[in-house]
Amino acid sequence: MPGVARRKEWLRMSEPFVTLDLHGYTADQARVKVDAALRRADRGTYQIRCVHGFHGGTVIRDTLQYKYRSHPKVKRIMPGDNPGVTVLVLREL
């Protein structure tokens, strides 16, 4: 099965800084993507940078801040370099 090898490779990937582009997603769709990234995050992942934009509203930003503030893998949530970015910190550098 070719998909199995690719899936195992994906699960082994370890990137210290992960970026998710959430433009065009609803809050529920964005939550599913972030949940998947958190499940795949291992000890080598320090931050998940969620790029959601802000001109279309702040629903995704607000959802991220509310839903993940008490998530066991998330140490803290901080704003990114602009209002359209939220950073989930999993480990401190």
N, C-alpha and C. Protein backbone atom coordinates (compact mmCIF):
# COMPACT_ATOMS: atom_id res chain seq x y z
N MET A 1 0.84 -1.18 0.00
CA MET A 1 0.00 0.00 0.00
C MET A 1 0.89 1.24 0.00
N PRO A 2 0.87 2.03 -1.06
CA PRO A 2 1.75 3.19 -1.14
C PRO A 2 1.42 4.28 -0.13
N GLY A 3 0.19 4.42 0.26
CA GLY A 3 -0.20 5.46 1.20
C GLY A 3 0.33 5.23 2.60
N VAL A 4 0.55 3.95 2.97
CA VAL A 4 1.01 3.62 4.31
C VAL A 4 2.43 4.13 4.52
N ALA A 5 3.31 3.91 3.54
CA ALA A 5 4.69 4.37 3.68
C ALA A 5 4.74 5.89 3.80
N ARG A 6 3.96 6.57 3.01
CA ARG A 6 3.94 8.04 3.07
C ARG A 6 3.43 8.50 4.43
N ARG A 7 2.39 7.85 4.95
CA ARG A 7 1.84 8.24 6.25
C ARG A 7 2.88 8.05 7.34
N LYS A 8 3.59 6.93 7.34
CA LYS A 8 4.61 6.70 8.36
C LYS A 8 5.72 7.73 8.27
N GLU A 9 6.10 8.10 7.04
CA GLU A 9 7.12 9.13 6.87
C GLU A 9 6.64 10.45 7.45
N TRP A 10 5.37 10.80 7.22
CA TRP A 10 4.81 12.05 7.72
C TRP A 10 4.80 12.05 9.24
N LEU A 11 4.47 10.92 9.84
CA LEU A 11 4.39 10.86 11.30
C LEU A 11 5.77 11.00 11.93
N ARG A 12 6.82 10.63 11.21
CA ARG A 12 8.17 10.72 11.77
C ARG A 12 8.78 12.10 11.59
N MET A 13 8.16 12.94 10.78
CA MET A 13 8.75 14.25 10.53
C MET A 13 8.75 15.08 11.80
N SER A 14 9.85 15.75 12.02
CA SER A 14 9.98 16.60 13.20
C SER A 14 10.55 17.94 12.76
N GLU A 15 9.73 18.96 12.82
CA GLU A 15 10.18 20.30 12.47
C GLU A 15 10.05 21.17 13.71
N PRO A 16 11.04 21.98 14.02
CA PRO A 16 10.96 22.80 15.22
C PRO A 16 9.90 23.90 15.13
N PHE A 17 9.68 24.43 13.92
CA PHE A 17 8.70 25.49 13.74
C PHE A 17 7.78 25.11 12.59
N VAL A 18 6.52 24.88 12.90
CA VAL A 18 5.53 24.46 11.91
C VAL A 18 4.65 25.66 11.60
N THR A 19 4.36 25.88 10.31
CA THR A 19 3.47 26.96 9.90
C THR A 19 2.24 26.37 9.23
N LEU A 20 1.06 26.78 9.71
CA LEU A 20 -0.20 26.36 9.11
C LEU A 20 -0.86 27.57 8.46
N ASP A 21 -1.22 27.45 7.20
CA ASP A 21 -1.94 28.51 6.51
C ASP A 21 -3.43 28.20 6.61
N LEU A 22 -4.15 28.99 7.38
CA LEU A 22 -5.56 28.75 7.65
C LEU A 22 -6.47 29.72 6.89
N HIS A 23 -5.92 30.44 5.93
CA HIS A 23 -6.74 31.36 5.13
C HIS A 23 -7.83 30.59 4.41
N GLY A 24 -9.03 31.11 4.43
CA GLY A 24 -10.14 30.51 3.71
C GLY A 24 -10.85 29.39 4.45
N TYR A 25 -10.38 29.03 5.63
CA TYR A 25 -11.01 27.98 6.41
C TYR A 25 -12.05 28.57 7.35
N THR A 26 -13.04 27.77 7.69
CA THR A 26 -13.96 28.16 8.76
C THR A 26 -13.26 27.87 10.09
N ALA A 27 -13.84 28.31 11.17
CA ALA A 27 -13.24 28.07 12.49
C ALA A 27 -13.16 26.57 12.77
N ASP A 28 -14.17 25.81 12.41
CA ASP A 28 -14.16 24.36 12.63
C ASP A 28 -13.10 23.67 11.78
N GLN A 29 -12.97 24.07 10.53
CA GLN A 29 -11.96 23.49 9.65
C GLN A 29 -10.56 23.81 10.17
N ALA A 30 -10.37 25.03 10.62
CA ALA A 30 -9.07 25.44 11.16
C ALA A 30 -8.74 24.63 12.41
N ARG A 31 -9.73 24.40 13.25
CA ARG A 31 -9.53 23.62 14.47
C ARG A 31 -9.09 22.20 14.14
N VAL A 32 -9.68 21.60 13.11
CA VAL A 32 -9.30 20.24 12.70
C VAL A 32 -7.84 20.22 12.25
N LYS A 33 -7.42 21.23 11.47
CA LYS A 33 -6.03 21.30 11.00
C LYS A 33 -5.07 21.47 12.17
N VAL A 34 -5.41 22.33 13.12
CA VAL A 34 -4.53 22.55 14.27
C VAL A 34 -4.48 21.30 15.15
N ASP A 35 -5.62 20.65 15.35
CA ASP A 35 -5.64 19.40 16.13
C ASP A 35 -4.72 18.36 15.50
N ALA A 36 -4.76 18.24 14.18
CA ALA A 36 -3.91 17.28 13.48
C ALA A 36 -2.43 17.63 13.66
N ALA A 37 -2.11 18.91 13.57
CA ALA A 37 -0.72 19.35 13.75
C ALA A 37 -0.25 19.08 15.17
N LEU A 38 -1.11 19.28 16.15
CA LEU A 38 -0.74 19.01 17.54
C LEU A 38 -0.54 17.51 17.77
N ARG A 39 -1.35 16.68 17.12
CA ARG A 39 -1.16 15.23 17.26
C ARG A 39 0.18 14.80 16.66
N ARG A 40 0.56 15.40 15.54
CA ARG A 40 1.82 15.04 14.88
C ARG A 40 3.05 15.65 15.55
N ALA A 41 2.85 16.67 16.34
CA ALA A 41 3.99 17.36 16.97
C ALA A 41 4.66 16.42 17.98
N ASP A 42 5.98 16.35 17.87
CA ASP A 42 6.71 15.53 18.82
C ASP A 42 7.62 16.43 19.66
N ARG A 43 8.58 15.83 20.34
CA ARG A 43 9.44 16.60 21.25
C ARG A 43 10.31 17.62 20.52
N GLY A 44 10.49 17.46 19.23
CA GLY A 44 11.31 18.39 18.46
C GLY A 44 10.56 19.60 17.95
N THR A 45 9.26 19.66 18.17
CA THR A 45 8.45 20.79 17.69
C THR A 45 8.31 21.82 18.80
N TYR A 46 8.74 23.04 18.51
CA TYR A 46 8.70 24.11 19.50
C TYR A 46 7.47 25.00 19.36
N GLN A 47 7.11 25.32 18.11
CA GLN A 47 6.00 26.25 17.89
C GLN A 47 5.18 25.83 16.68
N ILE A 48 3.89 26.13 16.76
CA ILE A 48 3.02 26.03 15.59
C ILE A 48 2.53 27.44 15.30
N ARG A 49 2.91 27.95 14.15
CA ARG A 49 2.55 29.31 13.74
C ARG A 49 1.31 29.21 12.86
N CYS A 50 0.19 29.74 13.33
CA CYS A 50 -1.08 29.68 12.62
C CYS A 50 -1.33 31.01 11.92
N VAL A 51 -1.30 30.99 10.59
CA VAL A 51 -1.54 32.20 9.79
C VAL A 51 -3.00 32.18 9.38
N HIS A 52 -3.80 33.09 9.96
CA HIS A 52 -5.24 33.07 9.72
C HIS A 52 -5.76 34.36 9.10
N GLY A 53 -4.95 35.39 9.07
CA GLY A 53 -5.42 36.68 8.54
C GLY A 53 -6.31 37.39 9.54
N PHE A 54 -6.61 38.65 9.24
CA PHE A 54 -7.49 39.39 10.16
C PHE A 54 -8.46 40.32 9.44
N HIS A 55 -8.32 40.49 8.15
CA HIS A 55 -9.23 41.39 7.45
C HIS A 55 -10.64 40.82 7.33
N GLY A 56 -10.76 39.51 7.34
CA GLY A 56 -12.08 38.87 7.23
C GLY A 56 -12.74 38.66 8.57
N GLY A 57 -12.14 39.12 9.63
CA GLY A 57 -12.68 38.94 10.97
C GLY A 57 -11.68 38.20 11.84
N THR A 58 -12.04 38.03 13.10
CA THR A 58 -11.11 37.42 14.06
C THR A 58 -11.65 36.11 14.63
N VAL A 59 -12.56 35.48 13.94
CA VAL A 59 -13.18 34.26 14.47
C VAL A 59 -12.15 33.16 14.67
N ILE A 60 -11.28 32.93 13.70
CA ILE A 60 -10.29 31.87 13.84
C ILE A 60 -9.30 32.20 14.95
N ARG A 61 -8.84 33.45 15.01
CA ARG A 61 -7.93 33.84 16.09
C ARG A 61 -8.56 33.62 17.45
N ASP A 62 -9.80 34.06 17.61
CA ASP A 62 -10.49 33.90 18.88
C ASP A 62 -10.69 32.42 19.23
N THR A 63 -11.01 31.61 18.22
CA THR A 63 -11.18 30.17 18.44
C THR A 63 -9.88 29.53 18.90
N LEU A 64 -8.77 29.89 18.26
CA LEU A 64 -7.47 29.34 18.65
C LEU A 64 -7.14 29.70 20.09
N GLN A 65 -7.34 30.96 20.44
CA GLN A 65 -7.00 31.41 21.79
C GLN A 65 -7.88 30.75 22.85
N TYR A 66 -9.15 30.55 22.54
CA TYR A 66 -10.07 29.95 23.51
C TYR A 66 -9.85 28.44 23.63
N LYS A 67 -9.78 27.76 22.49
CA LYS A 67 -9.72 26.30 22.48
C LYS A 67 -8.40 25.75 23.00
N TYR A 68 -7.30 26.40 22.68
CA TYR A 68 -6.00 25.82 22.97
C TYR A 68 -5.31 26.39 24.20
N ARG A 69 -5.94 27.31 24.91
CA ARG A 69 -5.29 27.87 26.10
C ARG A 69 -5.15 26.82 27.21
N SER A 70 -5.98 25.79 27.19
CA SER A 70 -5.87 24.75 28.22
C SER A 70 -5.46 23.40 27.62
N HIS A 71 -4.97 23.39 26.38
CA HIS A 71 -4.53 22.14 25.75
C HIS A 71 -3.25 21.66 26.43
N PRO A 72 -3.12 20.36 26.71
CA PRO A 72 -1.95 19.88 27.45
C PRO A 72 -0.61 20.08 26.73
N LYS A 73 -0.60 20.13 25.40
CA LYS A 73 0.67 20.32 24.68
C LYS A 73 1.06 21.79 24.53
N VAL A 74 0.10 22.69 24.72
CA VAL A 74 0.36 24.12 24.48
C VAL A 74 0.77 24.78 25.80
N LYS A 75 1.99 25.29 25.84
CA LYS A 75 2.49 25.98 27.04
C LYS A 75 1.92 27.39 27.15
N ARG A 76 1.87 28.07 26.00
CA ARG A 76 1.29 29.42 25.99
C ARG A 76 0.93 29.79 24.55
N ILE A 77 0.11 30.82 24.44
CA ILE A 77 -0.31 31.34 23.14
C ILE A 77 0.16 32.78 23.07
N MET A 78 0.76 33.14 21.95
CA MET A 78 1.23 34.51 21.82
C MET A 78 0.89 35.03 20.42
N PRO A 79 0.74 36.35 20.31
CA PRO A 79 0.48 36.92 18.98
C PRO A 79 1.73 36.80 18.12
N GLY A 80 1.53 36.73 16.82
CA GLY A 80 2.65 36.65 15.90
C GLY A 80 3.19 38.02 15.58
N ASP A 81 3.91 38.10 14.48
CA ASP A 81 4.53 39.36 14.08
C ASP A 81 3.53 40.34 13.47
N ASN A 82 2.30 39.89 13.22
CA ASN A 82 1.22 40.79 12.79
C ASN A 82 -0.10 40.25 13.33
N PRO A 83 -1.18 41.02 13.27
CA PRO A 83 -2.45 40.58 13.87
C PRO A 83 -3.07 39.35 13.21
N GLY A 84 -2.59 38.96 12.05
CA GLY A 84 -3.13 37.79 11.36
C GLY A 84 -2.42 36.50 11.68
N VAL A 85 -1.60 36.49 12.73
CA VAL A 85 -0.83 35.30 13.09
C VAL A 85 -0.97 35.03 14.59
N THR A 86 -1.19 33.76 14.93
CA THR A 86 -1.21 33.32 16.32
C THR A 86 -0.20 32.19 16.44
N VAL A 87 0.62 32.24 17.49
CA VAL A 87 1.66 31.23 17.70
C VAL A 87 1.31 30.39 18.92
N LEU A 88 1.27 29.07 18.72
CA LEU A 88 1.08 28.15 19.82
C LEU A 88 2.46 27.65 20.22
N VAL A 89 2.88 27.97 21.43
CA VAL A 89 4.20 27.57 21.91
C VAL A 89 4.06 26.24 22.63
N LEU A 90 4.79 25.23 22.12
CA LEU A 90 4.74 23.90 22.71
C LEU A 90 5.90 23.66 23.65
N ARG A 91 7.05 24.23 23.32
CA ARG A 91 8.25 24.13 24.16
C ARG A 91 8.99 25.44 24.07
N GLU A 92 9.62 25.80 25.15
CA GLU A 92 10.43 27.03 25.16
C GLU A 92 11.81 26.71 24.60
N LEU A 93 12.39 27.69 23.93
CA LEU A 93 13.73 27.50 23.38
C LEU A 93 14.79 27.56 24.45
